[in-house]
Protein backbone atom coordinates (compact mmCIF):
# COMPACT_ATOMS: atom_id res chain seq x y z
CA MET A 1 100.10 117.75 80.77
CA GLN A 2 100.78 118.56 84.61
CA ARG A 3 98.92 116.99 87.45
CA LYS A 4 96.33 118.94 89.35
CA ARG A 5 97.83 120.08 92.59
CA LEU A 6 95.74 118.11 94.89
CA ARG A 7 93.95 119.90 97.96
CA VAL A 8 94.89 117.97 101.23
CA VAL A 9 92.93 118.54 104.40
CA ILE A 10 94.70 116.98 107.68
CA VAL A 11 92.26 117.05 110.68
CA GLY A 12 94.84 116.74 113.74
CA GLY A 13 97.96 118.41 114.43
CA GLY A 14 99.77 115.89 116.39
CA ILE A 15 102.73 113.09 115.39
CA GLY A 16 100.93 111.50 112.81
CA GLY A 17 99.15 114.50 111.26
CA LEU A 18 102.30 116.66 111.08
CA PHE A 19 104.40 114.08 109.64
CA ALA A 20 101.82 113.34 106.86
CA ALA A 21 101.65 117.04 106.16
CA ASN A 22 105.53 117.27 105.55
CA ALA A 23 105.62 113.85 103.05
CA LEU A 24 102.58 115.01 101.12
CA ILE A 25 104.27 118.88 100.67
CA ALA A 26 107.39 116.81 99.67
CA ARG A 27 105.16 115.29 96.71
CA ASP A 28 103.49 118.93 95.86
CA PHE A 29 100.42 118.36 97.33
CA ASP A 30 98.63 121.70 98.88
CA VAL A 31 98.56 120.52 102.34
CA SER A 32 96.57 122.40 105.36
CA VAL A 33 97.01 120.77 108.97
CA TYR A 34 93.78 121.56 111.32
CA GLU A 35 94.39 121.07 114.86
CA GLN A 36 91.79 121.80 117.88
CA ALA A 37 94.32 122.98 120.41
CA SER A 38 95.27 126.83 120.69
CA ALA A 39 98.53 125.91 120.17
CA LEU A 40 100.91 123.24 118.72
CA GLY A 41 102.43 121.02 121.45
CA GLU A 42 102.16 117.97 123.46
CA ILE A 43 101.84 117.46 127.23
CA GLY A 44 103.61 114.05 128.21
CA ALA A 45 107.08 112.78 128.19
CA GLY A 46 108.99 110.50 125.80
CA VAL A 47 108.34 109.10 122.44
CA PHE A 48 110.70 106.31 120.96
CA LEU A 49 111.72 106.56 117.22
CA THR A 50 112.63 103.46 115.68
CA PRO A 51 114.52 102.60 112.43
CA ASN A 52 111.23 101.74 110.55
CA SER A 53 110.28 105.32 111.09
CA VAL A 54 113.73 106.90 110.82
CA ARG A 55 114.29 105.89 107.57
CA GLN A 56 110.94 108.02 106.56
CA LEU A 57 112.10 111.06 108.59
CA GLN A 58 115.25 110.91 106.93
CA ARG A 59 113.36 110.91 103.53
CA VAL A 60 111.88 114.05 103.78
CA GLY A 61 115.11 115.71 105.36
CA LEU A 62 114.22 115.88 109.03
CA GLY A 63 117.26 113.03 109.98
CA PRO A 64 119.55 116.15 111.30
CA SER A 65 116.74 117.31 113.27
CA VAL A 66 116.20 113.70 114.59
CA GLU A 67 119.75 113.46 115.73
CA LYS A 68 120.06 116.75 117.16
CA PHE A 69 116.64 116.55 119.24
CA GLY A 70 116.83 112.99 120.11
CA ALA A 71 118.81 110.77 122.31
CA ARG A 72 120.35 107.62 120.76
CA VAL A 73 119.57 104.34 122.81
CA GLY A 74 122.85 102.57 122.48
CA SER A 75 123.42 98.49 123.15
CA GLY A 76 123.83 98.74 126.51
CA SER A 77 120.30 98.68 126.64
CA HIS A 78 118.46 95.79 128.74
CA TYR A 79 115.77 93.90 130.49
CA PHE A 80 115.53 93.14 133.89
CA ARG A 81 113.73 91.13 136.58
CA HIS A 82 111.76 93.52 139.29
CA ASP A 83 114.76 92.73 141.47
CA GLY A 84 117.58 94.32 139.03
CA ALA A 85 118.67 90.27 138.08
CA PRO A 86 119.32 90.71 134.22
CA ILE A 87 117.05 88.83 131.69
CA ALA A 88 118.27 90.07 128.01
CA PRO A 89 119.64 92.87 125.73
CA VAL A 90 117.07 95.29 123.92
CA GLN A 91 117.22 95.07 120.13
CA VAL A 92 118.18 98.27 119.19
CA THR A 93 119.29 98.01 115.53
CA ASP A 94 117.65 96.59 112.70
CA SER A 95 118.99 93.41 110.75
CA SER A 96 122.21 95.38 109.23
CA GLY A 97 123.22 96.95 112.26
CA TRP A 98 121.88 100.12 111.58
CA ASN A 99 121.40 101.92 115.28
CA ALA A 100 118.38 104.76 114.47
CA THR A 101 116.48 104.55 117.72
CA PHE A 102 115.78 107.24 119.68
CA GLY A 103 114.40 108.58 122.57
CA MET A 104 112.47 111.95 122.08
CA HIS A 105 110.63 114.25 124.03
CA ARG A 106 107.07 114.52 122.38
CA ALA A 107 107.19 118.13 122.58
CA ASP A 108 110.18 118.23 120.68
CA MET A 109 109.08 115.72 117.96
CA VAL A 110 106.00 118.26 117.21
CA GLU A 111 108.05 121.25 117.02
CA LEU A 112 110.73 119.61 114.68
CA LEU A 113 107.80 118.29 112.39
CA ALA A 114 105.82 121.74 112.59
CA ALA A 115 108.97 123.95 111.92
CA ALA A 116 109.86 121.88 108.62
CA LEU A 117 106.24 122.81 107.10
CA PRO A 118 105.57 126.43 105.16
CA GLN A 119 104.41 129.19 107.36
CA GLY A 120 100.56 128.99 107.23
CA VAL A 121 100.03 125.14 106.97
CA VAL A 122 99.10 124.74 110.35
CA ARG A 123 95.90 126.25 111.57
CA THR A 124 95.21 125.71 115.69
CA GLY A 125 91.82 126.41 117.24
CA HIS A 126 90.04 123.97 114.75
CA ARG A 127 88.17 120.93 116.14
CA GLY A 128 87.36 119.02 113.14
CA VAL A 129 83.45 117.90 113.83
CA GLY A 130 81.51 117.21 110.36
CA LEU A 131 82.35 115.89 106.68
CA GLU A 132 80.01 116.20 103.64
CA GLN A 133 81.00 114.65 100.33
CA THR A 134 79.93 115.56 97.18
CA GLY A 135 81.75 113.02 94.74
CA ASP A 136 84.77 115.38 93.73
CA VAL A 137 85.03 117.53 96.48
CA ALA A 138 84.69 116.80 100.62
CA HIS A 139 83.72 119.63 103.25
CA VAL A 140 85.00 119.59 106.84
CA SER A 141 83.20 121.58 109.46
CA PHE A 142 84.68 122.78 112.97
CA ALA A 143 83.53 123.41 115.98
CA ASN A 144 84.46 127.28 115.65
CA GLY A 145 81.83 127.54 112.91
CA ALA A 146 84.77 127.33 110.00
CA THR A 147 84.28 125.00 107.13
CA VAL A 148 86.97 123.94 104.32
CA GLU A 149 86.59 121.98 101.07
CA GLY A 150 89.48 119.48 100.19
CA ASP A 151 90.29 116.56 97.53
CA ILE A 152 91.24 114.75 100.23
CA VAL A 153 90.90 114.63 103.53
CA ILE A 154 92.81 112.82 106.68
CA ALA A 155 91.37 112.07 109.64
CA ALA A 156 94.55 112.11 112.27
CA ASP A 157 92.65 113.32 115.36
CA GLY A 158 93.64 110.43 117.59
CA ILE A 159 91.90 107.88 119.34
CA HIS A 160 88.74 109.56 119.99
CA SER A 161 88.53 110.93 116.52
CA ASP A 162 85.47 113.17 115.97
CA LEU A 163 85.49 111.98 112.34
CA ARG A 164 86.31 108.26 112.56
CA HIS A 165 82.62 107.37 112.34
CA TYR A 166 82.18 109.15 108.55
CA ALA A 167 84.43 106.03 107.61
CA ALA A 168 84.38 103.08 110.17
CA PRO A 169 81.39 101.49 112.17
CA PRO A 170 81.20 102.32 115.79
CA SER A 171 83.57 100.90 117.84
CA ARG A 172 84.37 101.10 121.72
CA PRO A 173 88.03 101.97 123.03
CA VAL A 174 89.31 98.65 125.04
CA PHE A 175 90.57 99.51 128.48
CA HIS A 176 93.57 97.17 129.49
CA GLY A 177 93.15 97.38 133.17
CA SER A 178 96.69 99.37 133.50
CA VAL A 179 98.01 103.04 134.04
CA ALA A 180 101.12 104.48 132.96
CA TYR A 181 102.74 106.83 135.34
CA ARG A 182 105.01 109.32 132.84
CA GLY A 183 107.07 111.92 133.38
CA VAL A 184 111.16 113.34 132.90
CA LEU A 185 113.58 114.12 135.11
CA PRO A 186 116.62 116.30 134.57
CA HIS A 187 119.50 114.24 134.19
CA HIS A 188 121.90 116.67 136.31
CA LEU A 189 119.29 114.92 139.45
CA ILE A 190 120.49 111.61 138.93
CA PRO A 191 124.04 112.31 137.08
CA HIS A 192 124.84 108.60 137.52
CA TRP A 193 121.86 107.12 135.27
CA PRO A 194 122.95 106.20 131.90
CA ALA A 195 121.75 108.58 129.46
CA ASP A 196 122.45 106.36 126.25
CA ARG A 197 120.07 103.38 126.88
CA TRP A 198 116.91 102.06 127.43
CA LEU A 199 116.17 100.19 130.74
CA MET A 200 113.05 97.95 131.82
CA TRP A 201 112.26 95.95 135.03
CA LEU A 202 109.43 93.66 134.81
CA GLY A 203 107.33 92.57 137.63
CA LYS A 204 104.20 90.94 138.64
CA ALA A 205 101.11 93.17 137.09
CA LYS A 206 103.60 95.93 136.71
CA HIS A 207 106.88 97.00 134.91
CA PHE A 208 108.97 99.96 134.71
CA LEU A 209 110.80 101.55 131.89
CA THR A 210 113.17 104.63 131.31
CA PHE A 211 115.05 105.99 128.03
CA PRO A 212 117.03 109.35 127.73
CA VAL A 213 115.20 111.92 125.74
CA ARG A 214 116.46 115.67 124.26
CA SER A 215 120.09 114.73 123.76
CA GLY A 216 120.43 112.75 127.07
CA GLU A 217 119.29 115.97 129.01
CA LEU A 218 116.06 114.74 130.14
CA ILE A 219 115.29 110.80 131.58
CA ASN A 220 112.02 109.75 130.41
CA TYR A 221 110.41 107.38 132.86
CA VAL A 222 106.92 105.30 132.76
CA GLY A 223 105.63 103.20 135.63
CA PHE A 224 102.78 100.75 134.43
CA VAL A 225 100.87 99.65 137.39
CA PRO A 226 97.12 98.24 137.45
CA ALA A 227 94.24 100.33 137.66
CA ASP A 228 91.13 99.86 140.11
CA ALA A 229 88.79 101.25 137.70
CA GLU A 230 88.66 102.63 134.12
CA MET A 231 90.02 105.85 133.43
CA LYS A 232 89.59 108.57 130.91
CA GLU A 233 92.41 108.35 128.39
CA SER A 234 94.93 111.15 128.86
CA TRP A 235 98.17 112.42 128.11
CA SER A 236 98.14 114.75 131.31
CA ALA A 237 96.01 113.53 134.05
CA PRO A 238 98.01 114.33 137.02
CA GLY A 239 99.30 111.41 139.29
CA ASP A 240 100.44 111.29 142.65
CA PRO A 241 104.29 110.83 142.88
CA ASP A 242 104.15 109.21 146.27
CA MET A 243 101.49 106.64 144.91
CA LEU A 244 103.97 105.81 142.39
CA ARG A 245 106.89 105.36 144.76
CA ARG A 246 104.71 103.14 146.75
CA GLU A 247 104.00 100.75 143.59
CA PHE A 248 107.69 100.15 142.95
CA GLU A 249 108.80 99.69 146.83
CA GLY A 250 110.94 96.78 147.29
CA TRP A 251 111.71 96.58 143.44
CA ASP A 252 115.55 97.33 142.08
CA PRO A 253 117.02 100.11 144.37
CA ARG A 254 117.81 102.06 141.25
CA ILE A 255 113.95 102.66 140.43
CA GLY A 256 113.73 103.85 144.03
CA THR A 257 116.44 106.28 143.44
CA LEU A 258 115.15 107.66 140.17
CA LEU A 259 111.49 107.80 141.90
CA SER A 260 113.13 109.91 145.13
CA GLN A 261 113.20 112.83 142.69
CA VAL A 262 110.11 112.99 140.83
CA GLN A 263 108.00 115.83 142.56
CA LYS A 264 105.34 115.58 139.58
CA THR A 265 104.05 112.93 137.30
CA PHE A 266 101.13 112.18 135.00
CA ARG A 267 98.69 109.62 134.42
CA TRP A 268 97.53 107.99 131.39
CA ALA A 269 95.15 105.04 131.07
CA LEU A 270 96.18 102.15 128.50
CA TYR A 271 93.39 101.53 125.72
CA ASP A 272 93.51 100.36 122.12
CA ARG A 273 90.78 99.46 119.92
CA GLU A 274 89.89 96.15 118.24
CA PRO A 275 91.32 96.35 114.30
CA LEU A 276 88.73 98.49 112.10
CA PRO A 277 87.00 96.81 109.36
CA ALA A 278 87.41 100.08 107.47
CA TRP A 279 89.18 103.10 107.61
CA THR A 280 88.11 105.15 104.24
CA LYS A 281 85.20 106.57 102.48
CA GLY A 282 85.34 108.31 99.53
CA ARG A 283 87.64 111.15 100.09
CA LEU A 284 88.09 110.54 103.77
CA THR A 285 90.48 108.07 105.15
CA LEU A 286 92.19 107.85 108.78
CA LEU A 287 95.88 107.65 109.87
CA GLY A 288 97.68 106.85 113.20
CA ASP A 289 95.42 106.58 116.32
CA ALA A 290 92.45 107.44 114.84
CA ALA A 291 92.86 103.94 112.54
CA HIS A 292 94.90 101.72 114.92
CA PRO A 293 95.31 102.94 118.41
CA MET A 294 97.84 100.56 120.14
CA LEU A 295 99.53 99.59 123.41
CA PRO A 296 102.73 101.27 124.29
CA HIS A 297 104.68 97.98 124.85
CA LEU A 298 106.13 98.01 121.30
CA GLY A 299 107.00 101.60 121.39
CA GLN A 300 105.55 101.63 117.77
CA GLY A 301 102.15 104.01 118.26
CA ALA A 302 104.10 107.21 116.59
CA ASN A 303 106.54 105.02 114.45
CA GLN A 304 103.45 103.60 112.59
CA SER A 305 101.69 106.72 112.02
CA ILE A 306 104.61 107.90 110.42
CA GLU A 307 104.73 104.84 108.28
CA ASP A 308 101.04 105.79 107.61
CA GLY A 309 102.07 108.98 106.12
CA MET A 310 105.02 107.85 103.94
CA ALA A 311 102.49 105.09 102.93
CA LEU A 312 99.74 107.45 101.96
CA ALA A 313 102.27 110.31 100.49
CA THR A 314 103.75 107.57 98.04
CA ILE A 315 100.53 106.08 96.86
CA LEU A 316 98.64 109.77 96.43
CA ALA A 317 101.34 110.90 94.41
CA ARG A 318 100.10 108.66 91.28
CA ALA A 319 96.57 109.97 92.16
CA ASP A 320 94.50 112.33 90.17
CA PRO A 321 90.96 114.06 91.37
CA VAL A 322 88.85 111.11 89.75
CA ASN A 323 90.88 108.03 91.41
CA VAL A 324 91.65 109.72 94.99
CA PRO A 325 88.90 107.59 96.36
CA ALA A 326 90.55 104.29 94.75
CA ALA A 327 94.26 105.27 96.25
CA LEU A 328 92.93 105.96 99.74
CA LEU A 329 91.52 102.32 99.45
CA ALA A 330 94.72 101.15 98.28
CA TYR A 331 96.49 102.78 101.04
CA GLU A 332 93.73 101.16 103.46
CA ARG A 333 94.57 97.81 102.01
CA LEU A 334 98.57 98.29 102.45
CA ARG A 335 98.42 99.50 105.96
CA ARG A 336 95.71 97.45 107.63
CA GLU A 337 97.48 94.01 107.64
CA ARG A 338 100.67 95.37 109.20
CA VAL A 339 99.25 97.50 111.86
CA ALA A 340 96.67 94.74 113.02
CA ALA A 341 99.79 92.66 113.69
CA VAL A 342 101.58 95.53 115.65
CA GLN A 343 98.98 95.88 117.68
CA ARG A 344 98.45 92.08 118.60
CA GLY A 345 102.27 92.10 119.15
CA ALA A 346 101.85 94.89 121.45
CA ARG A 347 99.07 93.09 123.46
CA GLU A 348 101.21 90.16 123.79
CA ASN A 349 104.24 92.15 124.71
CA GLY A 350 102.34 93.48 127.66
CA MET A 351 101.42 90.10 128.83
CA ARG A 352 105.49 89.48 128.78
CA TYR A 353 106.40 92.54 130.40
CA ASN A 354 103.64 92.23 133.16
CA SER A 355 105.08 88.79 133.78
CA SER A 356 101.36 86.81 133.48
CA TYR A 357 103.33 83.42 133.52
CA ALA A 358 103.56 80.68 136.06
CA ASP A 359 107.37 79.82 135.24
CA LEU A 360 109.29 83.19 134.43
CA GLY A 361 111.98 81.28 133.06
CA VAL A 362 109.75 80.81 129.69
CA ARG A 363 108.72 84.56 129.89
CA ASP A 364 112.65 85.28 130.13
CA ALA A 365 113.19 82.92 127.15
CA GLU A 366 110.21 84.66 125.15
CA ILE A 367 111.93 88.10 125.92
CA THR A 368 115.22 86.99 124.60
CA ALA A 369 113.40 85.11 121.62
CA HIS A 370 111.68 88.56 120.85
CA ALA A 371 114.75 90.62 119.50
CA ALA A 372 114.06 88.61 115.99
CA PHE A 373 110.63 90.03 115.92
CA ARG A 374 111.87 93.69 116.58
CA ARG A 375 114.57 93.07 113.87
CA GLN A 376 111.84 92.28 111.59
CA LEU A 377 109.91 95.00 112.34
CA TYR A 378 112.78 97.56 112.24
CA ASP A 379 113.65 96.09 108.79
CA HIS A 380 110.23 97.33 107.41
CA ASP A 381 110.53 99.97 104.62
CA VAL A 382 106.99 100.97 103.98
CA VAL A 383 107.90 102.85 101.00
CA PRO A 384 108.53 99.65 98.19
CA GLU A 385 105.35 98.30 99.07
CA ALA A 386 103.59 101.40 98.84
CA GLU A 387 104.97 101.93 95.28
CA ALA A 388 104.20 98.69 94.12
CA ALA A 389 100.28 99.51 95.19
CA ALA A 390 100.55 102.89 93.38
CA THR A 391 101.35 101.35 90.11
CA ALA A 392 97.76 99.59 90.34
CA LEU A 393 96.43 103.14 89.64
CA THR A 394 95.29 104.67 86.63
CA PRO A 395 97.53 107.99 86.23
CA ILE A 396 96.11 110.83 84.39
CA ALA A 397 96.82 110.52 80.57
CA GLY A 398 100.08 111.77 79.62
CA ALA A 399 100.98 113.03 83.07
CA SER A 400 104.13 111.94 84.75
CA PRO A 401 103.92 110.59 88.07
CA ALA A 402 105.19 112.76 90.76
CA SER A 403 108.39 111.75 92.43
């Protein structure tokens, strides 16, 4: 007896939704991805991949693409005080010493995930706005008037998800009083800048980060500064390069050298949410920023979305049309504690990065000790625990679990 090929509707064509599609198709699901933009792509700059997600990308055959499009971040990575005084090395490996830490341009990441999908899986120009469930099927409606049905609906449509309220009680994003100026510079404009390391400078209420992307051809920079008022969360709000330069006057001269080349920058307000009490209702579940938006101070937003997708695919591989709701609840139970801990860790690290300490020596000691937390974070492999969670599901009689 063959397992019915379950139909999965993914709303959102960002990193989380596209990776989930790859992981589910590898498990022989019938998958469609619906993205609201007219074309796939990401305005913005870099995303940081760490070993806990790279091992999942390898599992779906995307390891070579990460190596091709990414820039491996090496052992020269370091934290500095605002004036350039060294604080501590940056942890770039898991406990085994495996360095699978890469800077990626967001556009490259979306492209490699989409290119691995069969033609026709992704449909653009579809913003999911409504959901109805009738026991054994779910119907998604879109702003353009289209509707689609599936056995499973995954809302991967970001921090401002239009489908979240069908699974979770209302909640407001939490603004954290900071703005990130983001952009990339061609390496040839700053040829002496190292293209193989992650570098961060920490000062009062501000910090500045760089890492390489696109095989080192580009240097990604992010300047985190206080905001005077709440701003709408956006990857693409224009920023003022001169204002950015003024924010970091008097810091390590290396930062001034880099910023002297910036002609265009984008501004991004920092929001997250308190952990949600529920992600799932019936045949709908949330994934990535729709479920657990987090601050960027652990570099884990995309990585946790990838973990979500692999956990979901692993558990659903044991599901049948009847027990899909139970499988989605098992996924939620598995992931909620993990991502809540990462959300809290990102907030705590933001306090360290913004030097919110009377004694910076205490801050520096915490930064040094934080390597142990990162090793634990990077050691995590979501698949064994997802397989254990899936064993509690009752498979179709006589059917072999998908592999």
